[in-house]
C-alpha atoms as a PDB file:
ATOM      1  CA  UNK A   1       4.316 -12.598   9.718  1.00  0.00           C
ATOM      2  CA  UNK A   2       3.607  -8.896  10.004  1.00  0.00           C
ATOM      3  CA  UNK A   3       0.584  -7.332   8.354  1.00  0.00           C
ATOM      4  CA  UNK A   4       0.129  -3.678   7.503  1.00  0.00           C
ATOM      5  CA  UNK A   5      -2.246  -1.426   5.631  1.00  0.00           C
ATOM      6  CA  UNK A   6      -0.891   1.246   3.330  1.00  0.00           C
ATOM      7  CA  UNK A   7      -3.287   4.040   2.396  1.00  0.00           C
ATOM      8  CA  UNK A   8      -2.526   5.599  -0.986  1.00  0.00           C
ATOM      9  CA  UNK A   9      -3.408   9.040  -2.338  1.00  0.00           C
ATOM     10  CA  UNK A  10      -3.390   9.098  -6.139  1.00  0.00           C
ATOM     11  CA  UNK A  11      -5.415  10.757  -8.895  1.00  0.00           C
ATOM     12  CA  UNK A  12      -4.940   7.631 -11.057  1.00  0.00           C
ATOM     13  CA  UNK A  13      -8.175   5.656 -11.388  1.00  0.00           C
ATOM     14  CA  UNK A  14      -6.513   2.238 -11.682  1.00  0.00           C
ATOM     15  CA  UNK A  15      -3.994   2.652  -8.863  1.00  0.00           C
ATOM     16  CA  UNK A  16      -5.442  -0.305  -6.896  1.00  0.00           C
ATOM     17  CA  UNK A  17      -4.687  -2.645  -9.806  1.00  0.00           C
ATOM     18  CA  UNK A  18      -1.104  -1.366  -9.931  1.00  0.00           C
ATOM     19  CA  UNK A  19      -0.707  -1.867  -6.189  1.00  0.00           C
ATOM     20  CA  UNK A  20      -1.670  -5.549  -6.533  1.00  0.00           C
ATOM     21  CA  UNK A  21       1.387  -6.076  -8.748  1.00  0.00           C
ATOM     22  CA  UNK A  22       3.726  -4.957  -5.935  1.00  0.00           C
ATOM     23  CA  UNK A  23       5.491  -7.791  -4.087  1.00  0.00           C
ATOM     24  CA  UNK A  24       3.982  -8.606  -0.657  1.00  0.00           C
ATOM     25  CA  UNK A  25       0.681  -6.862  -1.450  1.00  0.00           C
ATOM     26  CA  UNK A  26      -1.943  -9.525  -0.738  1.00  0.00           C
ATOM     27  CA  UNK A  27      -4.963  -7.343  -1.524  1.00  0.00           C
ATOM     28  CA  UNK A  28      -5.730  -3.875  -2.816  1.00  0.00           C
ATOM     29  CA  UNK A  29      -8.929  -1.993  -3.506  1.00  0.00           C
ATOM     30  CA  UNK A  30     -10.119   1.540  -4.309  1.00  0.00           C
ATOM     31  CA  UNK A  31     -11.695   3.629  -1.538  1.00  0.00           C
ATOM     32  CA  UNK A  32     -13.577   6.864  -1.169  1.00  0.00           C
ATOM     33  CA  UNK A  33     -12.531   9.633   1.176  1.00  0.00           C
ATOM     34  CA  UNK A  34      -9.144  11.145   1.926  1.00  0.00           C
ATOM     35  CA  UNK A  35      -7.247   8.235   0.318  1.00  0.00           C
ATOM     36  CA  UNK A  36      -7.932   6.642  -3.054  1.00  0.00           C
ATOM     37  CA  UNK A  37      -6.771   3.066  -2.454  1.00  0.00           C
ATOM     38  CA  UNK A  38      -5.716   0.614   0.235  1.00  0.00           C
ATOM     39  CA  UNK A  39      -2.958  -1.971  -0.035  1.00  0.00           C
ATOM     40  CA  UNK A  40      -2.819  -4.799   2.490  1.00  0.00           C
ATOM     41  CA  UNK A  41       0.649  -6.259   2.854  1.00  0.00           C
ATOM     42  CA  UNK A  42       2.030  -9.333   4.583  1.00  0.00           C
ATOM     43  CA  UNK A  43       5.779  -9.559   5.230  1.00  0.00           C
ATOM     44  CA  UNK A  44       8.065 -11.721   7.344  1.00  0.00           C
ATOM     45  CA  UNK A  45       9.848  -8.920   9.205  1.00  0.00           C
ATOM     46  CA  UNK A  46       8.861  -5.438  10.339  1.00  0.00           C
ATOM     47  CA  UNK A  47      11.689  -3.752   8.403  1.00  0.00           C
ATOM     48  CA  UNK A  48      10.227  -5.018   5.120  1.00  0.00           C
ATOM     49  CA  UNK A  49       7.189  -2.768   5.550  1.00  0.00           C
ATOM     50  CA  UNK A  50       9.296   0.314   4.831  1.00  0.00           C
ATOM     51  CA  UNK A  51      10.715  -1.352   1.714  1.00  0.00           C
ATOM     52  CA  UNK A  52       7.223  -2.107   0.385  1.00  0.00           C
ATOM     53  CA  UNK A  53       6.031   1.424   1.211  1.00  0.00           C
ATOM     54  CA  UNK A  54       9.020   2.841  -0.672  1.00  0.00           C
ATOM     55  CA  UNK A  55       8.181   0.672  -3.715  1.00  0.00           C
ATOM     56  CA  UNK A  56       4.587   1.912  -3.647  1.00  0.00           C
ATOM     57  CA  UNK A  57       5.716   5.539  -3.380  1.00  0.00           C
ATOM     58  CA  UNK A  58       7.767   5.073  -6.566  1.00  0.00           C
ATOM     59  CA  UNK A  59       4.691   4.066  -8.603  1.00  0.00           C
ATOM     60  CA  UNK A  60       3.856   6.753 -11.149  1.00  0.00           C
ATOM     61  CA  UNK A  61       0.910   8.787  -9.885  1.00  0.00           C
ATOM     62  CA  UNK A  62       1.235   8.066  -6.168  1.00  0.00           C
ATOM     63  CA  UNK A  63       1.108  11.388  -4.322  1.00  0.00           C
ATOM     64  CA  UNK A  64       1.519  10.123  -0.758  1.00  0.00           C
ATOM     65  CA  UNK A  65       1.029   7.134   1.505  1.00  0.00           C
ATOM     66  CA  UNK A  66       0.244   6.430   5.115  1.00  0.00           C
ATOM     67  CA  UNK A  67       1.122   3.127   6.750  1.00  0.00           C
ATOM     68  CA  UNK A  68      -0.596   1.401   9.660  1.00  0.00           C
ATOM     69  CA  UNK A  69       0.991  -1.716  11.151  1.00  0.00           C
ATOM     70  CA  UNK A  70      -1.096  -4.436  12.778  1.00  0.00           C
ATOM     71  CA  UNK A  71      -0.529  -4.580  16.534  1.00  0.00           C
ATOM     72  CA  UNK A  72      -0.793  -7.951  18.244  1.00  0.00           C
END
């Protein structure tokens, strides 16, 4: 399993709730600071991270994302 954190910039107040509906997102919560929400994902293969990030970027109201992959 590969875990990653996707930081999301969005003016939408309920973006964290929308992120939770995305496949492979195991947790999501709003944050303060440069990004408005965090999505924690868990996938089987590294290449799936890009697919999940692309799905998140297609959500209405998402301005940009930044992905950090867990290093073991």
